[in-house]
Amino acid sequence: KVKTAPTTTGKRRQDWKSILQEVDHRRFVTFGVIHGMLRRVHNYPFAVVRNYKQSSVLAYQIAEQMNGRMCDDALVCHFERPIDELIRLVRTVGNVADLYAT
């Protein structure tokens, strides 16, 4: 049985957290992509370096690859680190903008 919670308008909404506990989200997403209900969106980070520090060689190497042509999945595989960590490192020497494409 699906749990519901009242909303401010008095209507009831489904508690999605409890629903997703019953559903394998990986299969759900795969089904949605295969049947055209979901679309994969790629993120292409673009870094602008503003501080040149000798101690941040790795950050500069990552920023050099964040040129808007390499998607986040490729960066993660190349540097073998999570994208959040890569962005955090680059932000020590500059800014990162995200470009999205389908």
C-alpha atoms as a PDB file:
ATOM      1  CA  LYS A   1       0.000   0.000   0.000  1.00  0.00           C
ATOM      2  CA  VAL A   2       1.347   3.431  -0.967  1.00  0.00           C
ATOM      3  CA  LYS A   3       1.761   5.977   1.783  1.00  0.00           C
ATOM      4  CA  THR A   4       0.359   9.450   1.127  1.00  0.00           C
ATOM      5  CA  ALA A   5       0.937  12.768   2.794  1.00  0.00           C
ATOM      6  CA  PRO A   6      -1.325  15.816   2.837  1.00  0.00           C
ATOM      7  CA  THR A   7      -0.188  18.881   0.892  1.00  0.00           C
ATOM      8  CA  THR A   8      -0.880  22.533   1.652  1.00  0.00           C
ATOM      9  CA  THR A   9      -3.790  22.505  -0.813  1.00  0.00           C
ATOM     10  CA  GLY A  10      -5.456  19.657   1.057  1.00  0.00           C
ATOM     11  CA  LYS A  11      -4.810  17.153  -1.735  1.00  0.00           C
ATOM     12  CA  ARG A  12      -2.816  14.022  -1.131  1.00  0.00           C
ATOM     13  CA  ARG A  13       0.408  13.192  -2.892  1.00  0.00           C
ATOM     14  CA  GLN A  14       2.311   9.949  -3.119  1.00  0.00           C
ATOM     15  CA  ASP A  15       5.347   9.601  -0.923  1.00  0.00           C
ATOM     16  CA  TRP A  16       7.958   8.963  -3.647  1.00  0.00           C
ATOM     17  CA  LYS A  17      10.610   7.880  -1.185  1.00  0.00           C
ATOM     18  CA  SER A  18       8.525   4.920  -0.081  1.00  0.00           C
ATOM     19  CA  ILE A  19       7.648   4.094  -3.693  1.00  0.00           C
ATOM     20  CA  LEU A  20      11.299   4.089  -4.775  1.00  0.00           C
ATOM     21  CA  GLN A  21      12.147   1.712  -1.939  1.00  0.00           C
ATOM     22  CA  GLU A  22       9.906  -0.835  -3.671  1.00  0.00           C
ATOM     23  CA  VAL A  23      11.286  -0.228  -7.200  1.00  0.00           C
ATOM     24  CA  ASP A  24      14.752  -1.004  -8.548  1.00  0.00           C
ATOM     25  CA  HIS A  25      15.674   2.521  -9.700  1.00  0.00           C
ATOM     26  CA  ARG A  26      18.338   1.263 -12.121  1.00  0.00           C
ATOM     27  CA  ARG A  27      15.801  -0.843 -14.016  1.00  0.00           C
ATOM     28  CA  PHE A  28      13.281   1.983 -13.841  1.00  0.00           C
ATOM     29  CA  VAL A  29      15.748   4.423 -15.457  1.00  0.00           C
ATOM     30  CA  THR A  30      16.838   1.847 -18.051  1.00  0.00           C
ATOM     31  CA  PHE A  31      13.190   1.233 -18.980  1.00  0.00           C
ATOM     32  CA  GLY A  32      12.584   4.985 -19.277  1.00  0.00           C
ATOM     33  CA  VAL A  33      15.607   5.532 -21.530  1.00  0.00           C
ATOM     34  CA  ILE A  34      14.844   2.545 -23.779  1.00  0.00           C
ATOM     35  CA  HIS A  35      11.207   3.589 -24.248  1.00  0.00           C
ATOM     36  CA  GLY A  36      11.989   7.280 -24.810  1.00  0.00           C
ATOM     37  CA  MET A  37      10.454   8.531 -21.561  1.00  0.00           C
ATOM     38  CA  LEU A  38      13.825   9.707 -20.192  1.00  0.00           C
ATOM     39  CA  ARG A  39      16.747  11.262 -22.002  1.00  0.00           C
ATOM     40  CA  ARG A  40      20.415  11.144 -21.004  1.00  0.00           C
ATOM     41  CA  VAL A  41      21.821  14.628 -20.443  1.00  0.00           C
ATOM     42  CA  HIS A  42      25.593  15.038 -20.576  1.00  0.00           C
ATOM     43  CA  ASN A  43      27.457  17.639 -18.542  1.00  0.00           C
ATOM     44  CA  TYR A  44      30.496  19.332 -20.086  1.00  0.00           C
ATOM     45  CA  PRO A  45      32.386  21.283 -17.386  1.00  0.00           C
ATOM     46  CA  PHE A  46      34.187  24.435 -18.489  1.00  0.00           C
ATOM     47  CA  ALA A  47      36.918  25.798 -16.193  1.00  0.00           C
ATOM     48  CA  VAL A  48      38.351  29.313 -16.100  1.00  0.00           C
ATOM     49  CA  VAL A  49      41.639  29.532 -14.188  1.00  0.00           C
ATOM     50  CA  ARG A  50      42.287  32.788 -12.320  1.00  0.00           C
ATOM     51  CA  ASN A  51      44.959  31.918  -9.726  1.00  0.00           C
ATOM     52  CA  TYR A  52      48.260  30.426 -10.817  1.00  0.00           C
ATOM     53  CA  LYS A  53      49.823  28.517  -7.923  1.00  0.00           C
ATOM     54  CA  GLN A  54      52.715  26.092  -8.205  1.00  0.00           C
ATOM     55  CA  SER A  55      51.233  23.816  -5.532  1.00  0.00           C
ATOM     56  CA  SER A  56      48.102  23.035  -7.580  1.00  0.00           C
ATOM     57  CA  VAL A  57      49.540  21.076 -10.510  1.00  0.00           C
ATOM     58  CA  LEU A  58      46.731  18.495 -10.438  1.00  0.00           C
ATOM     59  CA  ALA A  59      44.090  21.245 -10.331  1.00  0.00           C
ATOM     60  CA  TYR A  60      45.626  22.820 -13.454  1.00  0.00           C
ATOM     61  CA  GLN A  61      45.730  19.475 -15.239  1.00  0.00           C
ATOM     62  CA  ILE A  62      42.060  18.933 -14.470  1.00  0.00           C
ATOM     63  CA  ALA A  63      41.143  22.513 -15.438  1.00  0.00           C
ATOM     64  CA  GLU A  64      42.981  22.079 -18.736  1.00  0.00           C
ATOM     65  CA  GLN A  65      40.742  19.099 -19.543  1.00  0.00           C
ATOM     66  CA  MET A  66      37.593  20.968 -18.461  1.00  0.00           C
ATOM     67  CA  ASN A  67      37.417  22.814 -21.767  1.00  0.00           C
ATOM     68  CA  GLY A  68      33.766  22.160 -22.582  1.00  0.00           C
ATOM     69  CA  ARG A  69      34.663  19.333 -24.986  1.00  0.00           C
ATOM     70  CA  MET A  70      35.089  16.467 -22.479  1.00  0.00           C
ATOM     71  CA  CYS A  71      31.986  15.280 -20.610  1.00  0.00           C
ATOM     72  CA  ASP A  72      31.995  14.659 -16.880  1.00  0.00           C
ATOM     73  CA  ASP A  73      31.910  10.874 -17.374  1.00  0.00           C
ATOM     74  CA  ALA A  74      35.135  11.020 -19.414  1.00  0.00           C
ATOM     75  CA  LEU A  75      36.814  13.256 -16.820  1.00  0.00           C
ATOM     76  CA  VAL A  76      35.883  10.851 -14.016  1.00  0.00           C
ATOM     77  CA  CYS A  77      37.346   7.923 -15.955  1.00  0.00           C
ATOM     78  CA  HIS A  78      40.475   9.848 -16.951  1.00  0.00           C
ATOM     79  CA  PHE A  79      41.363  11.117 -13.449  1.00  0.00           C
ATOM     80  CA  GLU A  80      39.786   8.192 -11.527  1.00  0.00           C
ATOM     81  CA  ARG A  81      38.088  10.529  -9.046  1.00  0.00           C
ATOM     82  CA  PRO A  82      34.444  11.552  -8.485  1.00  0.00           C
ATOM     83  CA  ILE A  83      33.281  14.627 -10.416  1.00  0.00           C
ATOM     84  CA  ASP A  84      32.535  16.496  -7.162  1.00  0.00           C
ATOM     85  CA  GLU A  85      36.160  16.102  -6.103  1.00  0.00           C
ATOM     86  CA  LEU A  86      37.434  17.243  -9.510  1.00  0.00           C
ATOM     87  CA  ILE A  87      35.278  20.360  -9.389  1.00  0.00           C
ATOM     88  CA  ARG A  88      36.352  21.088  -5.812  1.00  0.00           C
ATOM     89  CA  LEU A  89      40.026  20.888  -6.841  1.00  0.00           C
ATOM     90  CA  VAL A  90      39.553  23.182  -9.834  1.00  0.00           C
ATOM     91  CA  ARG A  91      37.654  25.735  -7.748  1.00  0.00           C
ATOM     92  CA  THR A  92      40.827  26.253  -5.691  1.00  0.00           C
ATOM     93  CA  VAL A  93      42.382  27.897  -8.776  1.00  0.00           C
ATOM     94  CA  GLY A  94      39.353  29.167 -10.715  1.00  0.00           C
ATOM     95  CA  ASN A  95      35.690  28.780 -11.544  1.00  0.00           C
ATOM     96  CA  VAL A  96      33.744  25.978 -13.199  1.00  0.00           C
ATOM     97  CA  ALA A  97      30.670  26.418 -15.400  1.00  0.00           C
ATOM     98  CA  ASP A  98      28.476  23.565 -16.620  1.00  0.00           C
ATOM     99  CA  LEU A  99      27.375  23.133 -20.213  1.00  0.00           C
ATOM    100  CA  TYR A 100      24.602  20.584 -20.798  1.00  0.00           C
ATOM    101  CA  ALA A 101      23.751  18.659 -23.986  1.00  0.00           C
ATOM    102  CA  THR A 102      21.474  15.773 -24.887  1.00  0.00           C
END
